[in-house]
C-alpha atoms as a PDB file:
ATOM      1  CA  MET A   1     -56.783  22.336 -56.133  1.00  0.00           C
ATOM      2  CA  GLU A   2     -58.949  25.052 -54.563  1.00  0.00           C
ATOM      3  CA  THR A   3     -56.669  25.289 -51.548  1.00  0.00           C
ATOM      4  CA  LEU A   4     -53.615  25.517 -53.757  1.00  0.00           C
ATOM      5  CA  ALA A   5     -55.233  28.209 -55.908  1.00  0.00           C
ATOM      6  CA  GLU A   6     -56.114  30.232 -52.807  1.00  0.00           C
ATOM      7  CA  HIS A   7     -52.588  29.840 -51.438  1.00  0.00           C
ATOM      8  CA  VAL A   8     -50.940  31.248 -54.570  1.00  0.00           C
ATOM      9  CA  LEU A   9     -53.735  33.789 -55.155  1.00  0.00           C
ATOM     10  CA  MET A  10     -55.110  32.336 -58.393  1.00  0.00           C
ATOM     11  CA  ASP A  11     -58.656  32.285 -59.691  1.00  0.00           C
ATOM     12  CA  ILE A  12     -59.882  28.696 -59.265  1.00  0.00           C
ATOM     13  CA  ASN A  13     -61.950  28.736 -62.466  1.00  0.00           C
ATOM     14  CA  ASP A  14     -59.022  29.919 -64.582  1.00  0.00           C
ATOM     15  CA  LEU A  15     -56.752  27.362 -62.961  1.00  0.00           C
ATOM     16  CA  GLN A  16     -59.198  24.550 -63.660  1.00  0.00           C
ATOM     17  CA  LEU A  17     -59.440  25.576 -67.325  1.00  0.00           C
ATOM     18  CA  HIS A  18     -55.662  25.712 -67.666  1.00  0.00           C
ATOM     19  CA  TRP A  19     -55.298  22.403 -65.833  1.00  0.00           C
ATOM     20  CA  GLN A  20     -57.868  20.700 -68.053  1.00  0.00           C
ATOM     21  CA  GLY A  21     -56.083  21.888 -71.199  1.00  0.00           C
ATOM     22  CA  PHE A  22     -52.699  20.861 -69.821  1.00  0.00           C
ATOM     23  CA  THR A  23     -53.895  17.374 -68.833  1.00  0.00           C
ATOM     24  CA  GLU A  24     -55.336  16.895 -72.324  1.00  0.00           C
ATOM     25  CA  LEU A  25     -51.946  17.849 -73.751  1.00  0.00           C
ATOM     26  CA  MET A  26     -50.159  15.468 -71.370  1.00  0.00           C
ATOM     27  CA  SER A  27     -52.558  12.561 -72.004  1.00  0.00           C
ATOM     28  CA  ASP A  28     -50.387  11.359 -74.904  1.00  0.00           C
ATOM     29  CA  THR A  29     -47.243  11.472 -72.753  1.00  0.00           C
ATOM     30  CA  PRO A  30     -46.261   8.163 -71.092  1.00  0.00           C
ATOM     31  CA  THR A  31     -46.809   8.148 -67.332  1.00  0.00           C
ATOM     32  CA  GLU A  32     -43.101   7.632 -66.592  1.00  0.00           C
ATOM     33  CA  ARG A  33     -42.411  11.013 -68.271  1.00  0.00           C
ATOM     34  CA  ARG A  34     -44.912  12.958 -66.151  1.00  0.00           C
ATOM     35  CA  SER A  35     -42.719  13.828 -63.179  1.00  0.00           C
ATOM     36  CA  ILE A  36     -42.656  17.358 -61.804  1.00  0.00           C
ATOM     37  CA  ILE A  37     -39.141  17.932 -63.153  1.00  0.00           C
ATOM     38  CA  GLN A  38     -40.028  16.674 -66.630  1.00  0.00           C
ATOM     39  CA  MET A  39     -43.188  18.787 -66.728  1.00  0.00           C
ATOM     40  CA  ALA A  40     -41.176  21.836 -65.626  1.00  0.00           C
ATOM     41  CA  GLN A  41     -38.686  21.143 -68.420  1.00  0.00           C
ATOM     42  CA  LEU A  42     -41.578  20.787 -70.849  1.00  0.00           C
ATOM     43  CA  LEU A  43     -43.068  24.130 -69.842  1.00  0.00           C
ATOM     44  CA  HIS A  44     -39.890  26.133 -69.241  1.00  0.00           C
ATOM     45  CA  GLY A  45     -37.226  24.368 -71.320  1.00  0.00           C
ATOM     46  CA  GLN A  46     -35.392  25.992 -74.225  1.00  0.00           C
ATOM     47  CA  GLN A  47     -36.748  23.575 -76.806  1.00  0.00           C
ATOM     48  CA  HIS A  48     -40.355  24.330 -75.874  1.00  0.00           C
ATOM     49  CA  ALA A  49     -39.970  28.092 -75.540  1.00  0.00           C
ATOM     50  CA  GLU A  50     -40.870  28.506 -79.179  1.00  0.00           C
ATOM     51  CA  LYS A  51     -44.087  26.524 -78.715  1.00  0.00           C
ATOM     52  CA  GLY A  52     -45.197  28.880 -75.947  1.00  0.00           C
ATOM     53  CA  LEU A  53     -46.441  26.174 -73.588  1.00  0.00           C
ATOM     54  CA  ALA A  54     -45.741  28.319 -70.524  1.00  0.00           C
ATOM     55  CA  ALA A  55     -47.593  31.193 -72.181  1.00  0.00           C
ATOM     56  CA  SER A  56     -50.516  28.901 -73.042  1.00  0.00           C
ATOM     57  CA  PHE A  57     -50.768  27.537 -69.491  1.00  0.00           C
ATOM     58  CA  PRO A  58     -49.276  30.247 -67.245  1.00  0.00           C
ATOM     59  CA  LEU A  59     -51.097  29.184 -64.068  1.00  0.00           C
ATOM     60  CA  VAL A  60     -50.074  25.552 -64.468  1.00  0.00           C
ATOM     61  CA  ALA A  61     -46.521  26.626 -65.327  1.00  0.00           C
ATOM     62  CA  HIS A  62     -46.383  28.684 -62.131  1.00  0.00           C
ATOM     63  CA  LEU A  63     -47.684  25.820 -59.967  1.00  0.00           C
ATOM     64  CA  ILE A  64     -45.244  23.326 -61.486  1.00  0.00           C
ATOM     65  CA  ALA A  65     -42.361  25.762 -60.959  1.00  0.00           C
ATOM     66  CA  VAL A  66     -43.373  26.098 -57.299  1.00  0.00           C
ATOM     67  CA  ALA A  67     -43.709  22.325 -56.918  1.00  0.00           C
ATOM     68  CA  ALA A  68     -40.279  21.789 -58.493  1.00  0.00           C
ATOM     69  CA  THR A  69     -38.649  24.046 -55.894  1.00  0.00           C
ATOM     70  CA  LEU A  70     -40.306  22.593 -52.796  1.00  0.00           C
ATOM     71  CA  PRO A  71     -37.943  20.547 -50.639  1.00  0.00           C
ATOM     72  CA  LEU A  72     -38.719  16.856 -50.648  1.00  0.00           C
ATOM     73  CA  SER A  73     -36.704  16.098 -47.563  1.00  0.00           C
ATOM     74  CA  THR A  74     -38.096  15.839 -44.061  1.00  0.00           C
ATOM     75  CA  ALA A  75     -34.635  16.025 -42.467  1.00  0.00           C
ATOM     76  CA  GLU A  76     -35.189  19.510 -41.011  1.00  0.00           C
ATOM     77  CA  VAL A  77     -38.456  18.462 -39.385  1.00  0.00           C
ATOM     78  CA  GLU A  78     -36.823  15.326 -37.986  1.00  0.00           C
ATOM     79  CA  ARG A  79     -34.018  17.459 -36.494  1.00  0.00           C
ATOM     80  CA  VAL A  80     -36.602  19.600 -34.712  1.00  0.00           C
ATOM     81  CA  PHE A  81     -38.306  16.527 -33.277  1.00  0.00           C
ATOM     82  CA  SER A  82     -34.926  15.179 -32.132  1.00  0.00           C
ATOM     83  CA  GLN A  83     -34.233  18.464 -30.352  1.00  0.00           C
ATOM     84  CA  LEU A  84     -37.734  18.353 -28.853  1.00  0.00           C
ATOM     85  CA  LYS A  85     -37.000  14.922 -27.383  1.00  0.00           C
ATOM     86  CA  LEU A  86     -33.842  16.343 -25.785  1.00  0.00           C
ATOM     87  CA  VAL A  87     -35.767  19.235 -24.236  1.00  0.00           C
ATOM     88  CA  LYS A  88     -38.917  17.414 -23.172  1.00  0.00           C
ATOM     89  CA  THR A  89     -37.762  14.446 -21.163  1.00  0.00           C
ATOM     90  CA  ASN A  90     -39.643  12.262 -18.691  1.00  0.00           C
ATOM     91  CA  HIS A  91     -38.565  14.650 -15.920  1.00  0.00           C
ATOM     92  CA  ARG A  92     -39.913  17.646 -17.837  1.00  0.00           C
ATOM     93  CA  CYS A  93     -43.164  16.148 -19.076  1.00  0.00           C
ATOM     94  CA  SER A  94     -45.371  18.869 -17.598  1.00  0.00           C
ATOM     95  CA  LEU A  95     -43.908  21.754 -19.635  1.00  0.00           C
ATOM     96  CA  SER A  96     -46.551  23.840 -21.350  1.00  0.00           C
ATOM     97  CA  ALA A  97     -46.605  24.217 -25.123  1.00  0.00           C
ATOM     98  CA  ALA A  98     -45.595  27.888 -24.820  1.00  0.00           C
ATOM     99  CA  THR A  99     -42.584  27.017 -22.656  1.00  0.00           C
ATOM    100  CA  LEU A 100     -41.553  24.222 -25.003  1.00  0.00           C
ATOM    101  CA  ASN A 101     -41.849  26.589 -27.945  1.00  0.00           C
ATOM    102  CA  LYS A 102     -39.582  29.145 -26.237  1.00  0.00           C
ATOM    103  CA  LEU A 103     -37.019  26.525 -25.222  1.00  0.00           C
ATOM    104  CA  LEU A 104     -36.892  25.055 -28.723  1.00  0.00           C
ATOM    105  CA  ASN A 105     -36.607  28.503 -30.245  1.00  0.00           C
ATOM    106  CA  VAL A 106     -33.546  29.237 -28.097  1.00  0.00           C
ATOM    107  CA  LYS A 107     -32.051  25.793 -28.665  1.00  0.00           C
ATOM    108  CA  LEU A 108     -32.460  25.851 -32.453  1.00  0.00           C
ATOM    109  CA  ASN A 109     -31.685  29.502 -33.178  1.00  0.00           C
ATOM    110  CA  CYS A 110     -28.962  30.355 -30.715  1.00  0.00           C
ATOM    111  CA  ASP A 111     -25.225  29.881 -31.214  1.00  0.00           C
ATOM    112  CA  LYS A 112     -23.236  28.118 -28.474  1.00  0.00           C
ATOM    113  CA  GLU A 113     -21.589  31.244 -27.033  1.00  0.00           C
ATOM    114  CA  LEU A 114     -24.862  33.111 -26.712  1.00  0.00           C
ATOM    115  CA  PHE A 115     -26.553  30.014 -25.296  1.00  0.00           C
ATOM    116  CA  THR A 116     -23.841  29.687 -22.614  1.00  0.00           C
ATOM    117  CA  LEU A 117     -24.292  33.360 -21.721  1.00  0.00           C
ATOM    118  CA  LEU A 118     -28.073  32.930 -21.497  1.00  0.00           C
ATOM    119  CA  VAL A 119     -27.775  29.829 -19.332  1.00  0.00           C
ATOM    120  CA  THR A 120     -25.408  31.625 -16.970  1.00  0.00           C
ATOM    121  CA  LYS A 121     -27.805  34.577 -16.606  1.00  0.00           C
ATOM    122  CA  VAL A 122     -30.821  32.330 -16.107  1.00  0.00           C
ATOM    123  CA  VAL A 123     -29.043  30.243 -13.448  1.00  0.00           C
ATOM    124  CA  LYS A 124     -27.943  33.391 -11.569  1.00  0.00           C
ATOM    125  CA  GLN A 125     -31.476  34.755 -11.678  1.00  0.00           C
ATOM    126  CA  PHE A 126     -32.879  31.401 -10.547  1.00  0.00           C
ATOM    127  CA  PHE A 127     -30.636  31.271  -7.466  1.00  0.00           C
ATOM    128  CA  ARG A 128     -31.350  34.882  -6.433  1.00  0.00           C
ATOM    129  CA  LYS A 129     -34.614  33.721  -4.932  1.00  0.00           C
ATOM    130  CA  GLU A 130     -34.551  31.758  -1.734  1.00  0.00           C
ATOM    131  CA  ARG A 131     -34.924  28.139  -2.727  1.00  0.00           C
ATOM    132  CA  ARG A 132     -34.559  24.924  -0.815  1.00  0.00           C
ATOM    133  CA  LEU A 133     -31.779  23.884  -3.167  1.00  0.00           C
ATOM    134  CA  SER A 134     -29.722  27.025  -2.449  1.00  0.00           C
ATOM    135  CA  ARG A 135     -30.081  26.452   1.311  1.00  0.00           C
ATOM    136  CA  VAL A 136     -28.833  22.898   0.920  1.00  0.00           C
ATOM    137  CA  LEU A 137     -25.847  24.075  -1.131  1.00  0.00           C
ATOM    138  CA  THR A 138     -24.821  26.711   1.429  1.00  0.00           C
ATOM    139  CA  THR A 139     -24.946  24.396   4.464  1.00  0.00           C
END
């Protein structure tokens, strides 16, 4: 709870007092009705606006509102790892973390037209230098 309070810039002592009062209030509520969404409805819903629960526990209300908006899916993270596997193959296993970061940044944030343009420029720049591969191609 301390880490969470620091992250959202709340006083830990005030948060603990609000949390203690809120948990006492929720102790009569059945456990199956204590989900984040149901607690958010309890604090912010129309029917409870008159009771002033959000005003009584503003820090808890804020944390529950934040928790209710956090994505519960890991799909985006899994997509990044899939792209990482495409970039870092067995033949490219010695890439540094900085290089991998740059490659992934281009791969994930670049549209196809711009990526094609970048690849063309990089390949031209690569073959400007005298390389064994370019000598083999010209002979």
